[in-house]
Protein backbone atom coordinates (compact mmCIF):
# COMPACT_ATOMS: atom_id res chain seq x y z
CA UNK A 1 -38.66 21.28 -101.48
CA UNK A 2 -36.76 17.85 -100.63
CA UNK A 3 -33.73 19.57 -99.32
CA UNK A 4 -35.99 21.73 -97.17
CA UNK A 5 -37.42 18.33 -95.64
CA UNK A 6 -34.32 16.81 -94.74
CA UNK A 7 -33.08 19.98 -93.02
CA UNK A 8 -36.00 19.98 -90.64
CA UNK A 9 -35.39 16.63 -90.07
CA UNK A 10 -31.56 16.75 -89.39
CA UNK A 11 -32.39 19.54 -87.08
CA UNK A 12 -35.05 17.35 -84.89
CA UNK A 13 -32.44 14.51 -84.30
CA UNK A 14 -29.92 17.20 -83.38
CA UNK A 15 -32.73 18.58 -81.16
CA UNK A 16 -33.61 15.06 -79.68
CA UNK A 17 -30.02 13.69 -78.95
CA UNK A 18 -29.30 17.20 -76.40
CA UNK A 19 -32.39 16.45 -75.03
CA UNK A 20 -31.53 12.92 -74.02
CA UNK A 21 -28.16 14.04 -73.09
CA UNK A 22 -29.42 16.49 -70.54
CA UNK A 23 -31.57 13.82 -68.85
CA UNK A 24 -29.11 11.47 -68.40
CA UNK A 25 -26.65 13.99 -66.80
CA UNK A 26 -28.35 14.56 -63.52
CA UNK A 27 -28.75 11.03 -62.81
CA UNK A 28 -24.90 10.25 -63.06
CA UNK A 29 -24.43 13.55 -60.88
CA UNK A 30 -27.19 12.23 -58.42
CA UNK A 31 -25.78 9.09 -57.99
CA UNK A 32 -22.00 10.40 -56.99
CA UNK A 33 -22.86 12.77 -54.69
CA UNK A 34 -23.85 10.37 -51.31
CA UNK A 35 -20.58 8.86 -52.24
CA UNK A 36 -18.69 12.22 -51.91
CA UNK A 37 -20.57 12.97 -49.07
CA UNK A 38 -20.22 9.79 -47.34
CA UNK A 39 -16.64 10.04 -47.59
CA UNK A 40 -16.48 13.56 -46.26
CA UNK A 41 -18.09 12.37 -43.14
CA UNK A 42 -16.05 9.71 -42.98
CA UNK A 43 -12.95 11.52 -42.94
CA UNK A 44 -14.02 14.27 -40.70
CA UNK A 45 -15.40 12.45 -37.56
CA UNK A 46 -11.83 11.10 -36.18
CA UNK A 47 -10.83 14.77 -36.82
CA UNK A 48 -13.69 15.74 -34.33
CA UNK A 49 -12.69 12.91 -31.94
CA UNK A 50 -9.14 14.14 -31.55
CA UNK A 51 -10.49 17.53 -30.86
CA UNK A 52 -12.74 16.41 -28.33
CA UNK A 53 -9.85 14.45 -26.58
CA UNK A 54 -7.36 17.16 -26.69
CA UNK A 55 -9.69 19.64 -25.46
CA UNK A 56 -10.32 17.28 -22.66
CA UNK A 57 -7.19 16.87 -21.45
CA UNK A 58 -6.22 20.58 -22.01
CA UNK A 59 -9.51 21.27 -19.31
CA UNK A 60 -7.79 18.92 -17.03
CA UNK A 61 -4.38 20.78 -16.51
CA UNK A 62 -5.79 23.96 -17.13
CA UNK A 63 -7.51 23.73 -13.17
CA UNK A 64 -3.77 22.61 -12.08
CA UNK A 65 -0.64 25.05 -11.50
CA UNK A 66 2.44 23.70 -11.54
CA UNK A 67 5.97 24.47 -10.62
CA UNK A 68 9.07 25.50 -12.68
CA UNK A 69 9.66 21.97 -12.92
CA UNK A 70 6.44 20.87 -14.86
CA UNK A 71 5.33 18.07 -12.22
CA UNK A 72 4.93 19.72 -9.01
CA UNK A 73 1.61 20.84 -8.03
CA UNK A 74 1.44 23.75 -5.96
CA UNK A 75 -1.96 25.06 -6.39
CA UNK A 76 -5.05 25.23 -8.55
CA UNK A 77 -6.38 28.01 -11.10
CA UNK A 78 -9.65 30.23 -9.88
CA UNK A 79 -11.43 27.72 -12.47
CA UNK A 80 -9.81 24.66 -10.76
CA UNK A 81 -10.88 25.82 -7.53
CA UNK A 82 -14.67 25.55 -8.21
CA UNK A 83 -14.62 22.47 -9.48
CA UNK A 84 -16.36 19.59 -7.46
CA UNK A 85 -14.36 16.77 -9.49
CA UNK A 86 -11.27 16.83 -10.45
CA UNK A 87 -8.65 14.90 -12.43
CA UNK A 88 -4.83 15.06 -11.22
CA UNK A 89 -2.92 15.60 -14.44
CA UNK A 90 -0.73 12.70 -15.59
CA UNK A 91 2.49 14.47 -15.61
CA UNK A 92 2.31 15.05 -11.46
CA UNK A 93 5.16 13.19 -9.25
CA UNK A 94 4.17 15.37 -6.21
CA UNK A 95 2.51 18.62 -4.35
CA UNK A 96 4.09 21.16 -2.49
CA UNK A 97 2.34 23.77 -0.43
CA UNK A 98 -1.65 23.12 -1.55
CA UNK A 99 -4.30 20.98 -0.28
CA UNK A 100 -7.58 19.95 -1.82
CA UNK A 101 -9.24 20.97 1.65
CA UNK A 102 -8.61 24.73 0.05
CA UNK A 103 -10.93 23.98 -2.90
CA UNK A 104 -14.46 22.59 -3.53
CA UNK A 105 -13.89 19.33 -4.73
CA UNK A 106 -15.74 16.41 -3.23
CA UNK A 107 -14.24 13.85 -5.63
CA UNK A 108 -10.48 13.36 -6.73
CA UNK A 109 -8.77 10.76 -8.97
CA UNK A 110 -5.40 10.66 -11.20
CA UNK A 111 -5.24 10.58 -14.51
CA UNK A 112 -1.98 8.15 -14.71
CA UNK A 113 -1.52 5.14 -12.32
CA UNK A 114 2.29 5.84 -11.95
CA UNK A 115 3.66 6.11 -8.22
CA UNK A 116 3.78 9.89 -6.61
CA UNK A 117 4.33 11.61 -3.47
CA UNK A 118 0.74 12.60 -2.25
CA UNK A 119 2.04 14.08 1.51
CA UNK A 120 -1.02 15.29 3.30
CA UNK A 121 -2.25 16.84 0.54
CA UNK A 122 -5.66 15.09 1.55
CA UNK A 123 -5.62 15.84 4.97
CA UNK A 124 -8.31 17.48 6.97
CA UNK A 125 -10.45 17.88 3.87
CA UNK A 126 -13.94 18.09 4.95
CA UNK A 127 -15.62 17.72 1.85
CA UNK A 128 -13.76 15.01 0.30
CA UNK A 129 -16.06 12.33 -0.41
CA UNK A 130 -14.30 9.69 -2.99
CA UNK A 131 -10.97 9.38 -3.76
CA UNK A 132 -9.20 7.00 -6.71
CA UNK A 133 -5.49 6.48 -5.71
CA UNK A 134 -2.96 5.65 -8.74
CA UNK A 135 -2.56 1.86 -8.77
CA UNK A 136 1.32 1.56 -8.32
CA UNK A 137 1.36 4.00 -5.91
CA UNK A 138 3.69 2.78 -2.89
CA UNK A 139 2.95 4.37 0.11
CA UNK A 140 -0.21 6.05 2.27
CA UNK A 141 2.02 8.45 4.45
CA UNK A 142 1.71 9.88 7.50
CA UNK A 143 -1.68 11.50 7.87
CA UNK A 144 -2.64 11.27 4.40
CA UNK A 145 -6.12 11.59 4.88
CA UNK A 146 -6.50 12.63 8.62
CA UNK A 147 -9.83 14.06 9.66
CA UNK A 148 -11.70 13.76 6.07
CA UNK A 149 -14.65 13.47 7.83
CA UNK A 150 -16.53 12.98 4.63
CA UNK A 151 -14.78 10.03 3.37
CA UNK A 152 -17.26 7.08 2.68
CA UNK A 153 -15.02 4.30 1.41
CA UNK A 154 -11.15 3.65 0.51
CA UNK A 155 -9.51 0.77 -1.93
CA UNK A 156 -5.91 0.70 -1.10
CA UNK A 157 -4.10 -0.03 -4.26
CA UNK A 158 -2.37 -2.72 -5.60
CA UNK A 159 1.03 -1.30 -5.32
CA UNK A 160 0.78 -0.30 -1.64
CA UNK A 161 3.48 -2.00 0.58
CA UNK A 162 2.90 0.59 3.70
CA UNK A 163 0.18 2.75 5.69
CA UNK A 164 1.95 4.93 7.86
CA UNK A 165 0.57 6.01 10.83
CA UNK A 166 -2.31 8.33 11.36
CA UNK A 167 -3.54 7.74 7.91
CA UNK A 168 -7.21 7.39 8.07
CA UNK A 169 -7.80 8.41 11.51
CA UNK A 170 -10.73 10.24 12.63
CA UNK A 171 -12.12 9.92 9.00
CA UNK A 172 -16.06 9.74 10.78
CA UNK A 173 -17.99 8.59 7.79
CA UNK A 174 -15.30 5.69 6.66
CA UNK A 175 -17.17 2.62 6.50
CA UNK A 176 -15.26 0.61 4.36
CA UNK A 177 -11.97 0.31 3.77
CA UNK A 178 -10.60 -2.79 0.19
CA UNK A 179 -7.33 -3.92 -0.34
CA UNK A 180 -6.93 -4.29 -4.18
CA UNK A 181 -3.32 -6.25 -4.08
CA UNK A 182 -1.46 -8.22 -1.68
CA UNK A 183 1.85 -6.05 -1.21
CA UNK A 184 0.98 -4.07 1.86
CA UNK A 185 3.04 -5.60 4.98
CA UNK A 186 2.82 -3.03 7.78
CA UNK A 187 -0.24 -0.55 9.03
CA UNK A 188 0.86 1.92 10.93
CA UNK A 189 -0.18 3.21 14.58
CA UNK A 190 -3.27 4.87 14.76
CA UNK A 191 -4.05 4.39 10.90
CA UNK A 192 -7.80 3.78 10.95
CA UNK A 193 -8.66 4.88 14.50
CA UNK A 194 -11.69 6.49 15.16
CA UNK A 195 -13.18 5.39 12.10
CA UNK A 196 -16.86 3.90 10.99
CA UNK A 197 -15.57 0.33 10.11
CA UNK A 198 -18.13 -2.62 10.62
CA UNK A 199 -15.81 -5.09 9.01
CA UNK A 200 -12.52 -5.31 7.88
CA UNK A 201 -10.35 -8.09 5.46
CA UNK A 202 -6.96 -7.61 6.04
CA UNK A 203 -5.20 -8.92 2.87
CA UNK A 204 -2.75 -11.46 2.34
CA UNK A 205 0.90 -10.46 2.64
CA UNK A 206 0.13 -7.97 5.52
CA UNK A 207 2.93 -9.12 8.33
CA UNK A 208 2.31 -6.30 11.19
CA UNK A 209 -0.53 -4.11 12.72
CA UNK A 210 1.13 -1.78 15.05
CA UNK A 211 -0.37 -0.24 18.11
CA UNK A 212 -4.10 1.38 18.28
CA UNK A 213 -4.70 1.03 14.47
CA UNK A 214 -8.21 0.20 14.47
CA UNK A 215 -8.65 2.12 18.07
CA UNK A 216 -12.22 3.53 18.99
CA UNK A 217 -13.90 2.11 15.66
CA UNK A 218 -16.77 1.84 17.76
CA UNK A 219 -18.80 0.11 14.84
CA UNK A 220 -16.10 -2.66 14.22
CA UNK A 221 -17.99 -6.17 14.05
CA UNK A 222 -15.25 -8.31 12.97
CA UNK A 223 -11.65 -8.59 11.60
CA UNK A 224 -10.23 -11.12 9.46
CA UNK A 225 -6.39 -12.05 9.10
CA UNK A 226 -4.28 -13.43 6.43
CA UNK A 227 -2.41 -16.24 6.77
CA UNK A 228 0.99 -13.85 6.85
CA UNK A 229 -0.14 -12.16 9.38
CA UNK A 230 2.88 -12.03 12.52
CA UNK A 231 2.29 -9.61 14.98
CA UNK A 232 -0.67 -7.69 16.59
CA UNK A 233 0.02 -4.94 18.53
CA UNK A 234 -1.34 -3.81 21.80
CA UNK A 235 -4.72 -1.74 21.77
CA UNK A 236 -5.26 -2.96 18.25
CA UNK A 237 -8.99 -2.34 18.66
CA UNK A 238 -11.21 -1.61 21.86
CA UNK A 239 -14.25 -0.61 19.99
CA UNK A 240 -17.71 -1.71 22.03
CA UNK A 241 -18.89 -3.92 18.91
CA UNK A 242 -16.04 -6.02 18.36
CA UNK A 243 -17.01 -9.68 18.59
CA UNK A 244 -15.27 -11.69 16.16
CA UNK A 245 -11.78 -12.32 14.84
CA UNK A 246 -11.30 -14.62 12.17
CA UNK A 247 -7.58 -16.24 11.30
CA UNK A 248 -6.60 -17.89 8.13
CA UNK A 249 -5.40 -21.69 7.98
CA UNK A 250 -1.91 -20.91 7.31
CA UNK A 251 -1.25 -18.75 10.23
CA UNK A 252 1.69 -19.69 12.11
CA UNK A 253 3.72 -17.95 14.93
CA UNK A 254 1.46 -15.36 15.56
CA UNK A 255 2.46 -12.64 18.12
CA UNK A 256 -0.81 -11.49 19.99
CA UNK A 257 -0.18 -8.56 22.63
CA UNK A 258 -2.06 -9.20 25.78
CA UNK A 259 -3.77 -5.95 24.96
CA UNK A 260 -4.60 -5.80 21.84
CA UNK A 261 -7.82 -5.79 22.25
CA UNK A 262 -8.07 -4.71 26.01
CA UNK A 263 -11.77 -4.72 27.90
CA UNK A 264 -12.97 -6.41 24.71
CA UNK A 265 -10.71 -9.61 24.88
CA UNK A 266 -13.74 -11.65 27.19
CA UNK A 267 -16.43 -10.80 24.65
CA UNK A 268 -14.41 -12.00 21.65
CA UNK A 269 -15.06 -15.28 19.78
CA UNK A 270 -11.81 -16.33 17.84
CA UNK A 271 -12.20 -18.34 14.69
CA UNK A 272 -9.45 -21.01 13.66
CA UNK A 273 -8.97 -23.89 11.32
CA UNK A 274 -9.22 -27.00 12.99
CA UNK A 275 -5.89 -29.07 13.22
CA UNK A 276 -4.15 -25.91 12.22
CA UNK A 277 -0.85 -24.10 13.82
CA UNK A 278 -3.39 -21.63 15.48
CA UNK A 279 -5.77 -24.84 16.99
CA UNK A 280 -2.42 -26.94 18.39
CA UNK A 281 -0.76 -24.04 19.83
CA UNK A 282 -3.50 -22.04 21.53
CA UNK A 283 -1.73 -21.45 24.69
CA UNK A 284 0.85 -19.20 22.43
CA UNK A 285 -1.58 -16.82 21.57
CA UNK A 286 -4.71 -17.02 23.39
CA UNK A 287 -4.82 -14.11 25.52
CA UNK A 288 -8.13 -14.68 27.33
CA UNK A 289 -10.51 -14.59 24.92
CA UNK A 290 -13.85 -15.55 25.36
CA UNK A 291 -14.48 -18.21 23.21
CA UNK A 292 -12.60 -20.25 20.50
CA UNK A 293 -14.71 -21.85 17.51
CA UNK A 294 -13.61 -23.38 14.27
CA UNK A 295 -14.73 -22.55 10.76
């Protein structure tokens, strides 16, 4: 009888221990699972981000067709022709036999800021409203944006040293031009003729404005010249609205063609700094302006 009782007690202890072990096991497993899940989420996030970046880059390049050198754009793919916003891939150094007026793009920018040859790839594009040029672009060439009638504003990049002839002429919607840097020394003939500009502030560093650079800009009211200006050629502007010319205090030895502002000359007030070179040498540059005022 005693043996039977001892055996029953032993079995009860064994079953009780097993039950306790089962209760403790789920708690331990449960506490470990969140850490495993969190680690998996953390490790997967960078991979997802890289995949998205790669896909974005591939899509951009996939809209363009390159010459055998891999750096000259010679056209757009069928899908690229349909895009209203395009980003020119970083490997691009030039364009050949192609113009953006062949596609639906309204906005174009560049993936990289290095210098390149844009030629007249944007010329006569009736749909182009906005373009962001590379910061290191050195030249805006002849007729680069001529007849882009929907273009509303342009920022001249910091690296530009000259704007060549006819670069923006007949951009009938162009109301604003902003110079980001001080390297531009020359604005070529007819560069901004027949535009909708209302006010122009020319950058320090500019030396020469060629013939008819802003001619037929009928809404242009005011032009501000930098201290570095040396030569203002004939027929620069004859717009019916032009009434103000502002010259920086440091201007010296500037040459103004007698026909620079043509029939508007007598209607224009020239603003200069008191006791400046321009103030002390009015007879050398005053070609019959309506009034001289100090500012």
